């Protein structure tokens, strides 16, 4: 269970740290990290992890599925 809950947290925490805590919500940062983790798994490892379904869930919850312009920073996204 812990591994599932940690999905996306590595990049998500990097996004939060780069912008300064509070500039982007924890949930938004983790949502971006989750999409990134699934993307890398598909592209690098050939795994099919249903990234599009996660994107639909994120959209319904109003989480970003990728870095939005307001969060864009050359060091991250």
C-alpha atoms as a PDB file:
ATOM      1  CA  UNK A   1       0.000   0.000   0.000  1.00  0.00           C
ATOM      2  CA  UNK A   2       2.792   2.428   0.855  1.00  0.00           C
ATOM      3  CA  UNK A   3       4.416   2.029  -2.574  1.00  0.00           C
ATOM      4  CA  UNK A   4       1.106   2.902  -4.222  1.00  0.00           C
ATOM      5  CA  UNK A   5       0.659   5.980  -2.045  1.00  0.00           C
ATOM      6  CA  UNK A   6       4.218   7.115  -2.813  1.00  0.00           C
ATOM      7  CA  UNK A   7       3.605   7.113  -6.588  1.00  0.00           C
ATOM      8  CA  UNK A   8       4.580  10.501  -7.953  1.00  0.00           C
ATOM      9  CA  UNK A   9       5.920  11.875  -4.693  1.00  0.00           C
ATOM     10  CA  UNK A  10       9.575  12.095  -5.730  1.00  0.00           C
ATOM     11  CA  UNK A  11       8.917  14.506  -8.585  1.00  0.00           C
ATOM     12  CA  UNK A  12       6.012  16.082  -6.721  1.00  0.00           C
ATOM     13  CA  UNK A  13       8.227  17.033  -3.802  1.00  0.00           C
ATOM     14  CA  UNK A  14      10.862  18.365  -6.211  1.00  0.00           C
ATOM     15  CA  UNK A  15       8.216  20.582  -7.821  1.00  0.00           C
ATOM     16  CA  UNK A  16       7.092  21.849  -4.421  1.00  0.00           C
ATOM     17  CA  UNK A  17      10.674  22.554  -3.338  1.00  0.00           C
ATOM     18  CA  UNK A  18      11.573  24.348  -6.570  1.00  0.00           C
ATOM     19  CA  UNK A  19       8.576  26.666  -6.412  1.00  0.00           C
ATOM     20  CA  UNK A  20       8.571  27.090  -2.666  1.00  0.00           C
ATOM     21  CA  UNK A  21       6.018  25.384  -0.483  1.00  0.00           C
ATOM     22  CA  UNK A  22       2.637  27.017  -0.933  1.00  0.00           C
ATOM     23  CA  UNK A  23       3.232  28.229  -4.500  1.00  0.00           C
ATOM     24  CA  UNK A  24       1.740  24.979  -5.809  1.00  0.00           C
ATOM     25  CA  UNK A  25      -0.527  22.718  -3.820  1.00  0.00           C
ATOM     26  CA  UNK A  26       0.784  19.375  -2.653  1.00  0.00           C
ATOM     27  CA  UNK A  27      -2.029  17.636  -4.516  1.00  0.00           C
ATOM     28  CA  UNK A  28      -1.255  19.398  -7.804  1.00  0.00           C
ATOM     29  CA  UNK A  29       2.449  18.623  -7.496  1.00  0.00           C
ATOM     30  CA  UNK A  30       1.792  14.952  -6.744  1.00  0.00           C
ATOM     31  CA  UNK A  31      -0.735  14.674  -9.595  1.00  0.00           C
ATOM     32  CA  UNK A  32       1.932  15.917 -12.012  1.00  0.00           C
ATOM     33  CA  UNK A  33       4.440  13.505 -10.478  1.00  0.00           C
ATOM     34  CA  UNK A  34       2.037  10.587 -10.876  1.00  0.00           C
ATOM     35  CA  UNK A  35       1.469  11.344 -14.550  1.00  0.00           C
ATOM     36  CA  UNK A  36       5.223  11.629 -15.048  1.00  0.00           C
ATOM     37  CA  UNK A  37       5.906   8.316 -13.273  1.00  0.00           C
ATOM     38  CA  UNK A  38       3.395   6.489 -15.462  1.00  0.00           C
ATOM     39  CA  UNK A  39       4.717   8.180 -18.606  1.00  0.00           C
ATOM     40  CA  UNK A  40       8.302   7.124 -17.844  1.00  0.00           C
ATOM     41  CA  UNK A  41       7.146   3.588 -17.015  1.00  0.00           C
ATOM     42  CA  UNK A  42       5.386   3.346 -20.367  1.00  0.00           C
ATOM     43  CA  UNK A  43       8.171   4.875 -22.445  1.00  0.00           C
ATOM     44  CA  UNK A  44      11.233   3.405 -20.751  1.00  0.00           C
ATOM     45  CA  UNK A  45       9.946   0.046 -19.535  1.00  0.00           C
ATOM     46  CA  UNK A  46       7.163  -0.632 -22.019  1.00  0.00           C
ATOM     47  CA  UNK A  47       4.603  -1.022 -19.239  1.00  0.00           C
ATOM     48  CA  UNK A  48       0.954  -0.301 -19.910  1.00  0.00           C
ATOM     49  CA  UNK A  49      -0.294   1.444 -16.780  1.00  0.00           C
ATOM     50  CA  UNK A  50      -3.389   3.190 -18.129  1.00  0.00           C
ATOM     51  CA  UNK A  51      -2.044   6.721 -17.902  1.00  0.00           C
ATOM     52  CA  UNK A  52      -5.075   8.036 -19.802  1.00  0.00           C
ATOM     53  CA  UNK A  53      -7.424   6.743 -17.104  1.00  0.00           C
ATOM     54  CA  UNK A  54      -5.385   8.546 -14.440  1.00  0.00           C
ATOM     55  CA  UNK A  55      -5.568  11.686 -16.576  1.00  0.00           C
ATOM     56  CA  UNK A  56      -9.386  11.416 -16.684  1.00  0.00           C
ATOM     57  CA  UNK A  57      -9.504  10.984 -12.902  1.00  0.00           C
ATOM     58  CA  UNK A  58      -7.182  13.977 -12.461  1.00  0.00           C
ATOM     59  CA  UNK A  59      -9.354  16.088 -14.755  1.00  0.00           C
ATOM     60  CA  UNK A  60     -12.510  15.188 -12.810  1.00  0.00           C
ATOM     61  CA  UNK A  61     -10.736  16.134  -9.572  1.00  0.00           C
ATOM     62  CA  UNK A  62      -9.358  19.276 -11.253  1.00  0.00           C
ATOM     63  CA  UNK A  63      -5.759  18.201 -10.741  1.00  0.00           C
ATOM     64  CA  UNK A  64      -3.295  19.114 -13.472  1.00  0.00           C
ATOM     65  CA  UNK A  65      -2.268  16.233 -15.705  1.00  0.00           C
ATOM     66  CA  UNK A  66       0.901  17.985 -16.742  1.00  0.00           C
ATOM     67  CA  UNK A  67       2.762  21.143 -15.875  1.00  0.00           C
ATOM     68  CA  UNK A  68       0.485  24.097 -16.427  1.00  0.00           C
ATOM     69  CA  UNK A  69       1.909  27.408 -17.623  1.00  0.00           C
ATOM     70  CA  UNK A  70       1.536  28.869 -14.171  1.00  0.00           C
ATOM     71  CA  UNK A  71       3.794  26.129 -12.799  1.00  0.00           C
ATOM     72  CA  UNK A  72       6.240  25.987 -15.684  1.00  0.00           C
ATOM     73  CA  UNK A  73       9.859  26.300 -14.751  1.00  0.00           C
ATOM     74  CA  UNK A  74      12.779  25.349 -16.952  1.00  0.00           C
ATOM     75  CA  UNK A  75      14.334  23.277 -14.161  1.00  0.00           C
ATOM     76  CA  UNK A  76      11.367  20.938 -13.821  1.00  0.00           C
ATOM     77  CA  UNK A  77       8.749  20.749 -16.567  1.00  0.00           C
END
